[in-house]
Amino acid sequence: MLQSGVTLWEYQPQVMHAKDLVVDDVVCVGSANLDTRSLQLNFEFLLWLPSPVLSIQLRARIDHDCALAWQVPADWSQHRTALQRLLQSWSHFLLARVDPFVARGQFCHLR
């Protein structure tokens, strides 16, 4: 995403698990993550609210939170060690390939 020009921010005071999105005058809030499990297996909740007033309020909140965060540098990936890259590759494999396969087996009795 960084290579595509997306700006990422890491919130500093604590871990933030919020999923908020504002596009024009539409607000989206919910529990879904952008991963295979959330999008295909889990029972996630997303609420789309077309509200100019709410979008202004959420933009203000996001601006406030970004003031408490640091911007991830665009060349972040170039500063990782070989061990960090290896661990990231294995983590991605486990979450993207193994976990959905295992989870489907656990949910097959619900069909």
PDB file of N, CA and C in Angstrom:
ATOM      1  N   MET A   1       0.819  -1.185   0.000  1.00  0.00           N
ATOM      2  CA  MET A   1       0.000   0.000   0.000  1.00  0.00           C
ATOM      3  C   MET A   1       0.869   1.258   0.000  1.00  0.00           C
ATOM      4  N   LEU A   2       1.968   1.231   0.747  1.00  0.00           N
ATOM      5  CA  LEU A   2       2.853   2.387   0.782  1.00  0.00           C
ATOM      6  C   LEU A   2       3.427   2.680  -0.597  1.00  0.00           C
ATOM      7  N   GLN A   3       3.777   1.628  -1.328  1.00  0.00           N
ATOM      8  CA  GLN A   3       4.332   1.816  -2.671  1.00  0.00           C
ATOM      9  C   GLN A   3       3.306   2.394  -3.631  1.00  0.00           C
ATOM     10  N   SER A   4       2.018   2.242  -3.329  1.00  0.00           N
ATOM     11  CA  SER A   4       0.945   2.781  -4.172  1.00  0.00           C
ATOM     12  C   SER A   4       0.581   4.219  -3.805  1.00  0.00           C
ATOM     13  N   GLY A   5       1.227   4.757  -2.767  1.00  0.00           N
ATOM     14  CA  GLY A   5       0.963   6.133  -2.387  1.00  0.00           C
ATOM     15  C   GLY A   5       0.012   6.309  -1.221  1.00  0.00           C
ATOM     16  N   VAL A   6      -0.405   5.201  -0.592  1.00  0.00           N
ATOM     17  CA  VAL A   6      -1.285   5.293   0.573  1.00  0.00           C
ATOM     18  C   VAL A   6      -0.469   5.780   1.766  1.00  0.00           C
ATOM     19  N   THR A   7      -1.054   6.669   2.552  1.00  0.00           N
ATOM     20  CA  THR A   7      -0.403   7.155   3.763  1.00  0.00           C
ATOM     21  C   THR A   7      -0.900   6.330   4.944  1.00  0.00           C
ATOM     22  N   LEU A   8       0.017   5.756   5.702  1.00  0.00           N
ATOM     23  CA  LEU A   8      -0.326   4.964   6.879  1.00  0.00           C
ATOM     24  C   LEU A   8       0.159   5.695   8.126  1.00  0.00           C
ATOM     25  N   TRP A   9      -0.660   5.615   9.160  1.00  0.00           N
ATOM     26  CA  TRP A   9      -0.337   6.250  10.432  1.00  0.00           C
ATOM     27  C   TRP A   9      -0.395   5.206  11.530  1.00  0.00           C
ATOM     28  N   GLU A  10       0.548   5.258  12.454  1.00  0.00           N
ATOM     29  CA  GLU A  10       0.540   4.353  13.608  1.00  0.00           C
ATOM     30  C   GLU A  10       0.214   5.159  14.851  1.00  0.00           C
ATOM     31  N   TYR A  11      -0.939   4.854  15.421  1.00  0.00           N
ATOM     32  CA  TYR A  11      -1.431   5.555  16.604  1.00  0.00           C
ATOM     33  C   TYR A  11      -0.539   5.221  17.789  1.00  0.00           C
ATOM     34  N   GLN A  12      -0.079   6.225  18.513  1.00  0.00           N
ATOM     35  CA  GLN A  12       0.925   6.020  19.550  1.00  0.00           C
ATOM     36  C   GLN A  12       0.400   5.794  20.965  1.00  0.00           C
ATOM     37  N   PRO A  13      -0.656   6.466  21.434  1.00  0.00           N
ATOM     38  CA  PRO A  13      -1.017   6.303  22.842  1.00  0.00           C
ATOM     39  C   PRO A  13      -1.323   4.866  23.256  1.00  0.00           C
ATOM     40  N   GLN A  14      -1.935   4.084  22.361  1.00  0.00           N
ATOM     41  CA  GLN A  14      -2.316   2.705  22.690  1.00  0.00           C
ATOM     42  C   GLN A  14      -2.705   2.007  21.403  1.00  0.00           C
ATOM     43  N   VAL A  15      -3.049   0.745  21.512  1.00  0.00           N
ATOM     44  CA  VAL A  15      -3.535   0.023  20.346  1.00  0.00           C
ATOM     45  C   VAL A  15      -4.938   0.513  20.025  1.00  0.00           C
ATOM     46  N   MET A  16      -5.173   0.843  18.760  1.00  0.00           N
ATOM     47  CA  MET A  16      -6.503   1.268  18.335  1.00  0.00           C
ATOM     48  C   MET A  16      -7.053   0.208  17.390  1.00  0.00           C
ATOM     49  N   HIS A  17      -8.228  -0.279  17.691  1.00  0.00           N
ATOM     50  CA  HIS A  17      -8.814  -1.358  16.897  1.00  0.00           C
ATOM     51  C   HIS A  17     -10.032  -0.877  16.111  1.00  0.00           C
ATOM     52  N   ALA A  18     -10.135   0.432  15.933  1.00  0.00           N
ATOM     53  CA  ALA A  18     -11.290   1.008  15.246  1.00  0.00           C
ATOM     54  C   ALA A  18     -11.208   0.774  13.746  1.00  0.00           C
ATOM     55  N   LYS A  19     -12.355   0.612  13.136  1.00  0.00           N
ATOM     56  CA  LYS A  19     -12.455   0.498  11.689  1.00  0.00           C
ATOM     57  C   LYS A  19     -13.435   1.566  11.236  1.00  0.00           C
ATOM     58  N   ASP A  20     -12.896   2.708  10.851  1.00  0.00           N
ATOM     59  CA  ASP A  20     -13.710   3.836  10.436  1.00  0.00           C
ATOM     60  C   ASP A  20     -13.258   4.262   9.048  1.00  0.00           C
ATOM     61  N   LEU A  21     -14.218   4.651   8.232  1.00  0.00           N
ATOM     62  CA  LEU A  21     -13.914   5.098   6.882  1.00  0.00           C
ATOM     63  C   LEU A  21     -14.890   6.202   6.513  1.00  0.00           C
ATOM     64  N   VAL A  22     -14.363   7.272   5.920  1.00  0.00           N
ATOM     65  CA  VAL A  22     -15.208   8.355   5.432  1.00  0.00           C
ATOM     66  C   VAL A  22     -14.901   8.538   3.953  1.00  0.00           C
ATOM     67  N   VAL A  23     -15.924   8.446   3.124  1.00  0.00           N
ATOM     68  CA  VAL A  23     -15.802   8.706   1.690  1.00  0.00           C
ATOM     69  C   VAL A  23     -16.903   9.701   1.334  1.00  0.00           C
ATOM     70  N   ASP A  24     -16.481  10.882   0.906  1.00  0.00           N
ATOM     71  CA  ASP A  24     -17.422  11.959   0.611  1.00  0.00           C
ATOM     72  C   ASP A  24     -18.311  12.194   1.838  1.00  0.00           C
ATOM     73  N   ASP A  25     -19.611  11.976   1.712  1.00  0.00           N
ATOM     74  CA  ASP A  25     -20.529  12.177   2.835  1.00  0.00           C
ATOM     75  C   ASP A  25     -21.050  10.866   3.408  1.00  0.00           C
ATOM     76  N   VAL A  26     -20.316   9.782   3.197  1.00  0.00           N
ATOM     77  CA  VAL A  26     -20.722   8.471   3.699  1.00  0.00           C
ATOM     78  C   VAL A  26     -19.706   8.005   4.736  1.00  0.00           C
ATOM     79  N   VAL A  27     -20.219   7.541   5.859  1.00  0.00           N
ATOM     80  CA  VAL A  27     -19.399   7.015   6.948  1.00  0.00           C
ATOM     81  C   VAL A  27     -19.595   5.506   7.006  1.00  0.00           C
ATOM     82  N   CYS A  28     -18.501   4.779   7.170  1.00  0.00           N
ATOM     83  CA  CYS A  28     -18.563   3.329   7.346  1.00  0.00           C
ATOM     84  C   CYS A  28     -17.841   2.990   8.641  1.00  0.00           C
ATOM     85  N   VAL A  29     -18.529   2.312   9.543  1.00  0.00           N
ATOM     86  CA  VAL A  29     -17.940   1.838  10.795  1.00  0.00           C
ATOM     87  C   VAL A  29     -18.336   0.380  10.976  1.00  0.00           C
ATOM     88  N   GLY A  30     -17.468  -0.385  11.619  1.00  0.00           N
ATOM     89  CA  GLY A  30     -17.809  -1.779  11.821  1.00  0.00           C
ATOM     90  C   GLY A  30     -16.678  -2.576  12.415  1.00  0.00           C
ATOM     91  N   SER A  31     -16.826  -3.891  12.350  1.00  0.00           N
ATOM     92  CA  SER A  31     -15.861  -4.797  12.955  1.00  0.00           C
ATOM     93  C   SER A  31     -15.000  -5.540  11.944  1.00  0.00           C
ATOM     94  N   ALA A  32     -15.295  -5.439  10.659  1.00  0.00           N
ATOM     95  CA  ALA A  32     -14.580  -6.219   9.645  1.00  0.00           C
ATOM     96  C   ALA A  32     -13.155  -5.724   9.454  1.00  0.00           C
ATOM     97  N   ASN A  33     -12.252  -6.672   9.298  1.00  0.00           N
ATOM     98  CA  ASN A  33     -10.873  -6.397   8.920  1.00  0.00           C
ATOM     99  C   ASN A  33     -10.733  -6.662   7.419  1.00  0.00           C
ATOM    100  N   LEU A  34      -9.671  -6.195   6.827  1.00  0.00           N
ATOM    101  CA  LEU A  34      -9.424  -6.455   5.418  1.00  0.00           C
ATOM    102  C   LEU A  34      -8.539  -7.690   5.276  1.00  0.00           C
ATOM    103  N   ASP A  35      -9.074  -8.824   5.696  1.00  0.00           N
ATOM    104  CA  ASP A  35      -8.361 -10.083   5.535  1.00  0.00           C
ATOM    105  C   ASP A  35      -9.352 -11.162   5.117  1.00  0.00           C
ATOM    106  N   THR A  36      -8.812 -12.291   4.713  1.00  0.00           N
ATOM    107  CA  THR A  36      -9.635 -13.377   4.201  1.00  0.00           C
ATOM    108  C   THR A  36     -10.649 -13.864   5.217  1.00  0.00           C
ATOM    109  N   ARG A  37     -10.227 -14.025   6.460  1.00  0.00           N
ATOM    110  CA  ARG A  37     -11.133 -14.540   7.486  1.00  0.00           C
ATOM    111  C   ARG A  37     -12.313 -13.585   7.692  1.00  0.00           C
ATOM    112  N   SER A  38     -12.042 -12.302   7.834  1.00  0.00           N
ATOM    113  CA  SER A  38     -13.129 -11.342   8.058  1.00  0.00           C
ATOM    114  C   SER A  38     -14.072 -11.257   6.877  1.00  0.00           C
ATOM    115  N   LEU A  39     -13.518 -11.266   5.670  1.00  0.00           N
ATOM    116  CA  LEU A  39     -14.341 -11.043   4.495  1.00  0.00           C
ATOM    117  C   LEU A  39     -15.074 -12.289   4.008  1.00  0.00           C
ATOM    118  N   GLN A  40     -14.585 -13.489   4.350  1.00  0.00           N
ATOM    119  CA  GLN A  40     -15.203 -14.710   3.826  1.00  0.00           C
ATOM    120  C   GLN A  40     -15.770 -15.641   4.890  1.00  0.00           C
ATOM    121  N   LEU A  41     -15.236 -15.617   6.105  1.00  0.00           N
ATOM    122  CA  LEU A  41     -15.631 -16.615   7.096  1.00  0.00           C
ATOM    123  C   LEU A  41     -16.344 -16.036   8.319  1.00  0.00           C
ATOM    124  N   ASN A  42     -15.821 -14.966   8.855  1.00  0.00           N
ATOM    125  CA  ASN A  42     -16.385 -14.431  10.093  1.00  0.00           C
ATOM    126  C   ASN A  42     -17.718 -13.742   9.844  1.00  0.00           C
ATOM    127  N   PHE A  43     -18.487 -13.631  10.882  1.00  0.00           N
ATOM    128  CA  PHE A  43     -19.727 -12.885  10.835  1.00  0.00           C
ATOM    129  C   PHE A  43     -19.410 -11.463  11.298  1.00  0.00           C
ATOM    130  N   GLU A  44     -19.054 -10.615  10.357  1.00  0.00           N
ATOM    131  CA  GLU A  44     -18.637  -9.255  10.661  1.00  0.00           C
ATOM    132  C   GLU A  44     -19.778  -8.279  10.403  1.00  0.00           C
ATOM    133  N   PHE A  45     -19.631  -7.113  10.945  1.00  0.00           N
ATOM    134  CA  PHE A  45     -20.662  -6.092  10.839  1.00  0.00           C
ATOM    135  C   PHE A  45     -20.064  -4.815  10.265  1.00  0.00           C
ATOM    136  N   LEU A  46     -20.680  -4.291   9.220  1.00  0.00           N
ATOM    137  CA  LEU A  46     -20.305  -2.995   8.659  1.00  0.00           C
ATOM    138  C   LEU A  46     -21.558  -2.153   8.525  1.00  0.00           C
ATOM    139  N   LEU A  47     -21.470  -0.941   8.950  1.00  0.00           N
ATOM    140  CA  LEU A  47     -22.613  -0.043   8.884  1.00  0.00           C
ATOM    141  C   LEU A  47     -22.242   1.145   8.000  1.00  0.00           C
ATOM    142  N   TRP A  48     -22.991   1.324   6.906  1.00  0.00           N
ATOM    143  CA  TRP A  48     -22.795   2.437   5.995  1.00  0.00           C
ATOM    144  C   TRP A  48     -23.848   3.497   6.310  1.00  0.00           C
ATOM    145  N   LEU A  49     -23.395   4.707   6.615  1.00  0.00           N
ATOM    146  CA  LEU A  49     -24.295   5.784   6.988  1.00  0.00           C
ATOM    147  C   LEU A  49     -24.077   6.982   6.062  1.00  0.00           C
ATOM    148  N   PRO A  50     -25.009   7.245   5.159  1.00  0.00           N
ATOM    149  CA  PRO A  50     -24.896   8.452   4.340  1.00  0.00           C
ATOM    150  C   PRO A  50     -25.331   9.664   5.157  1.00  0.00           C
ATOM    151  N   SER A  51     -24.360  10.386   5.714  1.00  0.00           N
ATOM    152  CA  SER A  51     -24.677  11.490   6.615  1.00  0.00           C
ATOM    153  C   SER A  51     -23.583  12.562   6.525  1.00  0.00           C
ATOM    154  N   PRO A  52     -23.880  13.689   5.920  1.00  0.00           N
ATOM    155  CA  PRO A  52     -22.890  14.768   5.854  1.00  0.00           C
ATOM    156  C   PRO A  52     -22.437  15.240   7.236  1.00  0.00           C
ATOM    157  N   VAL A  53     -23.355  15.326   8.179  1.00  0.00           N
ATOM    158  CA  VAL A  53     -23.010  15.786   9.528  1.00  0.00           C
ATOM    159  C   VAL A  53     -22.070  14.785  10.209  1.00  0.00           C
ATOM    160  N   LEU A  54     -22.418  13.505  10.141  1.00  0.00           N
ATOM    161  CA  LEU A  54     -21.581  12.472  10.761  1.00  0.00           C
ATOM    162  C   LEU A  54     -20.215  12.392  10.083  1.00  0.00           C
ATOM    163  N   SER A  55     -20.170  12.587   8.773  1.00  0.00           N
ATOM    164  CA  SER A  55     -18.883  12.521   8.076  1.00  0.00           C
ATOM    165  C   SER A  55     -17.963  13.661   8.525  1.00  0.00           C
ATOM    166  N   ILE A  56     -18.497  14.836   8.761  1.00  0.00           N
ATOM    167  CA  ILE A  56     -17.696  15.954   9.260  1.00  0.00           C
ATOM    168  C   ILE A  56     -17.161  15.639  10.657  1.00  0.00           C
ATOM    169  N   GLN A  57     -18.018  15.070  11.515  1.00  0.00           N
ATOM    170  CA  GLN A  57     -17.605  14.724  12.879  1.00  0.00           C
ATOM    171  C   GLN A  57     -16.521  13.639  12.879  1.00  0.00           C
ATOM    172  N   LEU A  58     -16.687  12.625  12.029  1.00  0.00           N
ATOM    173  CA  LEU A  58     -15.700  11.546  11.999  1.00  0.00           C
ATOM    174  C   LEU A  58     -14.380  12.033  11.405  1.00  0.00           C
ATOM    175  N   ARG A  59     -14.425  12.881  10.387  1.00  0.00           N
ATOM    176  CA  ARG A  59     -13.187  13.448   9.841  1.00  0.00           C
ATOM    177  C   ARG A  59     -12.424  14.221  10.922  1.00  0.00           C
ATOM    178  N   ALA A  60     -13.141  14.971  11.752  1.00  0.00           N
ATOM    179  CA  ALA A  60     -12.500  15.710  12.845  1.00  0.00           C
ATOM    180  C   ALA A  60     -11.856  14.750  13.834  1.00  0.00           C
ATOM    181  N   ARG A  61     -12.543  13.644  14.122  1.00  0.00           N
ATOM    182  CA  ARG A  61     -11.989  12.649  15.058  1.00  0.00           C
ATOM    183  C   ARG A  61     -10.739  11.987  14.478  1.00  0.00           C
ATOM    184  N   ILE A  62     -10.797  11.663  13.184  1.00  0.00           N
ATOM    185  CA  ILE A  62      -9.631  11.049  12.533  1.00  0.00           C
ATOM    186  C   ILE A  62      -8.453  12.025  12.524  1.00  0.00           C
ATOM    187  N   ASP A  63      -8.706  13.306  12.235  1.00  0.00           N
ATOM    188  CA  ASP A  63      -7.640  14.310  12.270  1.00  0.00           C
ATOM    189  C   ASP A  63      -7.027  14.400  13.670  1.00  0.00           C
ATOM    190  N   HIS A  64      -7.869  14.360  14.697  1.00  0.00           N
ATOM    191  CA  HIS A  64      -7.382  14.396  16.078  1.00  0.00           C
ATOM    192  C   HIS A  64      -6.496  13.183  16.365  1.00  0.00           C
ATOM    193  N   ASP A  65      -6.947  12.006  15.958  1.00  0.00           N
ATOM    194  CA  ASP A  65      -6.169  10.786  16.198  1.00  0.00           C
ATOM    195  C   ASP A  65      -4.860  10.787  15.418  1.00  0.00           C
ATOM    196  N   CYS A  66      -4.871  11.303  14.199  1.00  0.00           N
ATOM    197  CA  CYS A  66      -3.638  11.358  13.392  1.00  0.00           C
ATOM    198  C   CYS A  66      -2.607  12.293  14.022  1.00  0.00           C
ATOM    199  N   ALA A  67      -3.072  13.304  14.762  1.00  0.00           N
ATOM    200  CA  ALA A  67      -2.144  14.189  15.459  1.00  0.00           C
ATOM    201  C   ALA A  67      -1.400  13.448  16.565  1.00  0.00           C
ATOM    202  N   LEU A  68      -1.946  12.331  17.019  1.00  0.00           N
ATOM    203  CA  LEU A  68      -1.314  11.513  18.063  1.00  0.00           C
ATOM    204  C   LEU A  68      -0.584  10.299  17.474  1.00  0.00           C
ATOM    205  N   ALA A  69      -0.363  10.314  16.176  1.00  0.00           N
ATOM    206  CA  ALA A  69       0.251   9.181  15.496  1.00  0.00           C
ATOM    207  C   ALA A  69       1.497   9.631  14.742  1.00  0.00           C
ATOM    208  N   TRP A  70       2.311   8.655  14.345  1.00  0.00           N
ATOM    209  CA  TRP A  70       3.444   8.999  13.475  1.00  0.00           C
ATOM    210  C   TRP A  70       3.217   8.357  12.117  1.00  0.00           C
ATOM    211  N   GLN A  71       3.659   9.064  11.090  1.00  0.00           N
ATOM    212  CA  GLN A  71       3.474   8.581   9.728  1.00  0.00           C
ATOM    213  C   GLN A  71       4.512   7.515   9.418  1.00  0.00           C
ATOM    214  N   VAL A  72       4.042   6.391   8.924  1.00  0.00           N
ATOM    215  CA  VAL A  72       4.940   5.303   8.523  1.00  0.00           C
ATOM    216  C   VAL A  72       5.655   5.750   7.252  1.00  0.00           C
ATOM    217  N   PRO A  73       7.000   5.738   7.239  1.00  0.00           N
ATOM    218  CA  PRO A  73       7.722   6.211   6.051  1.00  0.00           C
ATOM    219  C   PRO A  73       7.464   5.325   4.833  1.00  0.00           C
ATOM    220  N   ALA A  74       7.442   5.950   3.667  1.00  0.00           N
ATOM    221  CA  ALA A  74       7.162   5.219   2.423  1.00  0.00           C
ATOM    222  C   ALA A  74       8.190   4.132   2.160  1.00  0.00           C
ATOM    223  N   ASP A  75       9.411   4.297   2.668  1.00  0.00           N
ATOM    224  CA  ASP A  75      10.450   3.285   2.445  1.00  0.00           C
ATOM    225  C   ASP A  75      10.589   2.335   3.642  1.00  0.00           C
ATOM    226  N   TRP A  76       9.527   2.195   4.403  1.00  0.00           N
ATOM    227  CA  TRP A  76       9.538   1.347   5.602  1.00  0.00           C
ATOM    228  C   TRP A  76      10.042  -0.062   5.313  1.00  0.00           C
ATOM    229  N   SER A  77       9.588  -0.649   4.220  1.00  0.00           N
ATOM    230  CA  SER A  77       9.936  -2.050   3.935  1.00  0.00           C
ATOM    231  C   SER A  77      11.426  -2.233   3.681  1.00  0.00           C
ATOM    232  N   GLN A  78      12.128  -1.199   3.286  1.00  0.00           N
ATOM    233  CA  GLN A  78      13.561  -1.312   3.013  1.00  0.00           C
ATOM    234  C   GLN A  78      14.386  -1.373   4.292  1.00  0.00           C
ATOM    235  N   HIS A  79      13.803  -1.052   5.423  1.00  0.00           N
ATOM    236  CA  HIS A  79      14.532  -1.028   6.689  1.00  0.00           C
ATOM    237  C   HIS A  79      14.314  -2.271   7.535  1.00  0.00           C
ATOM    238  N   ARG A  80      13.626  -3.268   6.974  1.00  0.00           N
ATOM    239  CA  ARG A  80      13.391  -4.499   7.733  1.00  0.00           C
ATOM    240  C   ARG A  80      14.573  -5.449   7.566  1.00  0.00           C
ATOM    241  N   THR A  81      14.840  -6.201   8.614  1.00  0.00           N
ATOM    242  CA  THR A  81      15.918  -7.187   8.555  1.00  0.00           C
ATOM    243  C   THR A  81      15.432  -8.427   7.805  1.00  0.00           C
ATOM    244  N   ALA A  82      16.368  -9.295   7.467  1.00  0.00           N
ATOM    245  CA  ALA A  82      16.015 -10.540   6.781  1.00  0.00           C
ATOM    246  C   ALA A  82      15.085 -11.380   7.659  1.00  0.00           C
ATOM    247  N   LEU A  83      15.324 -11.409   8.957  1.00  0.00           N
ATOM    248  CA  LEU A  83      14.466 -12.167   9.874  1.00  0.00           C
ATOM    249  C   LEU A  83      13.048 -11.578   9.894  1.00  0.00           C
ATOM    250  N   GLN A  84      12.924 -10.264   9.922  1.00  0.00           N
ATOM    251  CA  GLN A  84      11.598  -9.639   9.905  1.00  0.00           C
ATOM    252  C   GLN A  84      10.855  -9.974   8.611  1.00  0.00           C
ATOM    253  N   ARG A  85      11.558  -9.958   7.482  1.00  0.00           N
ATOM    254  CA  ARG A  85      10.912 -10.291   6.206  1.00  0.00           C
ATOM    255  C   ARG A  85      10.476 -11.753   6.186  1.00  0.00           C
ATOM    256  N   LEU A  86      11.311 -12.641   6.731  1.00  0.00           N
ATOM    257  CA  LEU A  86      10.960 -14.062   6.798  1.00  0.00           C
ATOM    258  C   LEU A  86       9.735 -14.282   7.680  1.00  0.00           C
ATOM    259  N   LEU A  87       9.711 -13.656   8.849  1.00  0.00           N
ATOM    260  CA  LEU A  87       8.570 -13.796   9.751  1.00  0.00           C
ATOM    261  C   LEU A  87       7.299 -13.230   9.127  1.00  0.00           C
ATOM    262  N   GLN A  88       7.411 -12.122   8.411  1.00  0.00           N
ATOM    263  CA  GLN A  88       6.248 -11.549   7.746  1.00  0.00           C
ATOM    264  C   GLN A  88       5.728 -12.485   6.670  1.00  0.00           C
ATOM    265  N   SER A  89       6.614 -13.092   5.907  1.00  0.00           N
ATOM    266  CA  SER A  89       6.191 -14.031   4.859  1.00  0.00           C
ATOM    267  C   SER A  89       5.465 -15.228   5.455  1.00  0.00           C
ATOM    268  N   TRP A  90       6.008 -15.792   6.525  1.00  0.00           N
ATOM    269  CA  TRP A  90       5.365 -16.947   7.164  1.00  0.00           C
ATOM    270  C   TRP A  90       4.029 -16.557   7.791  1.00  0.00           C
ATOM    271  N   SER A  91       3.985 -15.384   8.423  1.00  0.00           N
ATOM    272  CA  SER A  91       2.731 -14.922   9.019  1.00  0.00           C
ATOM    273  C   SER A  91       1.664 -14.745   7.954  1.00  0.00           C
ATOM    274  N   HIS A  92       2.034 -14.160   6.839  1.00  0.00           N
ATOM    275  CA  HIS A  92       1.081 -13.976   5.741  1.00  0.00           C
ATOM    276  C   HIS A  92       0.586 -15.315   5.227  1.00  0.00           C
ATOM    277  N   PHE A  93       1.489 -16.267   5.053  1.00  0.00           N
ATOM    278  CA  PHE A  93       1.106 -17.596   4.583  1.00  0.00           C
ATOM    279  C   PHE A  93       0.114 -18.248   5.549  1.00  0.00           C
ATOM    280  N   LEU A  94       0.415 -18.200   6.837  1.00  0.00           N
ATOM    281  CA  LEU A  94      -0.457 -18.826   7.825  1.00  0.00           C
ATOM    282  C   LEU A  94      -1.837 -18.165   7.863  1.00  0.00           C
ATOM    283  N   LEU A  95      -1.878 -16.841   7.833  1.00  0.00           N
ATOM    284  CA  LEU A  95      -3.157 -16.133   7.916  1.00  0.00           C
ATOM    285  C   LEU A  95      -3.956 -16.182   6.623  1.00  0.00           C
ATOM    286  N   ALA A  96      -3.269 -16.135   5.490  1.00  0.00           N
ATOM    287  CA  ALA A  96      -3.980 -16.068   4.210  1.00  0.00           C
ATOM    288  C   ALA A  96      -4.314 -17.444   3.640  1.00  0.00           C
ATOM    289  N   ARG A  97      -3.528 -18.453   3.948  1.00  0.00           N
ATOM    290  CA  ARG A  97      -3.727 -19.766   3.337  1.00  0.00           C
ATOM    291  C   ARG A  97      -4.165 -20.846   4.320  1.00  0.00           C
ATOM    292  N   VAL A  98      -3.475 -20.959   5.435  1.00  0.00           N
ATOM    293  CA  VAL A  98      -3.744 -22.050   6.380  1.00  0.00           C
ATOM    294  C   VAL A  98      -4.983 -21.757   7.223  1.00  0.00           C
ATOM    295  N   ASP A  99      -5.078 -20.567   7.801  1.00  0.00           N
ATOM    296  CA  ASP A  99      -6.184 -20.241   8.695  1.00  0.00           C
ATOM    297  C   ASP A  99      -7.556 -20.381   8.023  1.00  0.00           C
ATOM    298  N   PRO A 100      -7.774 -19.836   6.813  1.00  0.00           N
ATOM    299  CA  PRO A 100      -9.096 -20.021   6.191  1.00  0.00           C
ATOM    300  C   PRO A 100      -9.429 -21.487   5.919  1.00  0.00           C
ATOM    301  N   PHE A 101      -8.426 -22.276   5.561  1.00  0.00           N
ATOM    302  CA  PHE A 101      -8.648 -23.700   5.314  1.00  0.00           C
ATOM    303  C   PHE A 101      -9.088 -24.404   6.599  1.00  0.00           C
ATOM    304  N   VAL A 102      -8.417 -24.117   7.692  1.00  0.00           N
ATOM    305  CA  VAL A 102      -8.756 -24.723   8.984  1.00  0.00           C
ATOM    306  C   VAL A 102     -10.134 -24.242   9.440  1.00  0.00           C
ATOM    307  N   ALA A 103     -10.396 -22.944   9.297  1.00  0.00           N
ATOM    308  CA  ALA A 103     -11.680 -22.390   9.737  1.00  0.00           C
ATOM    309  C   ALA A 103     -12.840 -22.979   8.939  1.00  0.00           C
ATOM    310  N   ARG A 104     -12.669 -23.170   7.634  1.00  0.00           N
ATOM    311  CA  ARG A 104     -13.749 -23.761   6.845  1.00  0.00           C
ATOM    312  C   ARG A 104     -14.099 -25.152   7.350  1.00  0.00           C
ATOM    313  N   GLY A 105     -13.094 -25.897   7.753  1.00  0.00           N
ATOM    314  CA  GLY A 105     -13.340 -27.225   8.296  1.00  0.00           C
ATOM    315  C   GLY A 105     -14.124 -27.174   9.588  1.00  0.00           C
ATOM    316  N   GLN A 106     -13.894 -26.154  10.392  1.00  0.00           N
ATOM    317  CA  GLN A 106     -14.629 -26.006  11.634  1.00  0.00           C
ATOM    318  C   GLN A 106     -16.067 -25.583  11.420  1.00  0.00           C
ATOM    319  N   PHE A 107     -16.354 -24.898  10.310  1.00  0.00           N
ATOM    320  CA  PHE A 107     -17.686 -24.405  10.050  1.00  0.00           C
ATOM    321  C   PHE A 107     -18.477 -25.292   9.095  1.00  0.00           C
ATOM    322  N   CYS A 108     -17.900 -26.379   8.602  1.00  0.00           N
ATOM    323  CA  CYS A 108     -18.579 -27.194   7.591  1.00  0.00           C
ATOM    324  C   CYS A 108     -19.868 -27.829   8.140  1.00  0.00           C
ATOM    325  N   HIS A 109     -19.975 -28.066   9.421  1.00  0.00           N
ATOM    326  CA  HIS A 109     -21.182 -28.664   9.988  1.00  0.00           C
ATOM    327  C   HIS A 109     -22.361 -27.696  10.013  1.00  0.00           C
ATOM    328  N   LEU A 110     -22.117 -26.400   9.740  1.00  0.00           N
ATOM    329  CA  LEU A 110     -23.193 -25.415   9.757  1.00  0.00           C
ATOM    330  C   LEU A 110     -23.947 -25.347   8.445  1.00  0.00           C
ATOM    331  N   ARG A 111     -23.458 -26.004   7.425  1.00  0.00           N
ATOM    332  CA  ARG A 111     -24.115 -25.934   6.106  1.00  0.00           C
ATOM    333  C   ARG A 111     -25.390 -26.699   6.072  1.00  0.00           C
TER     334      ARG A 111
END
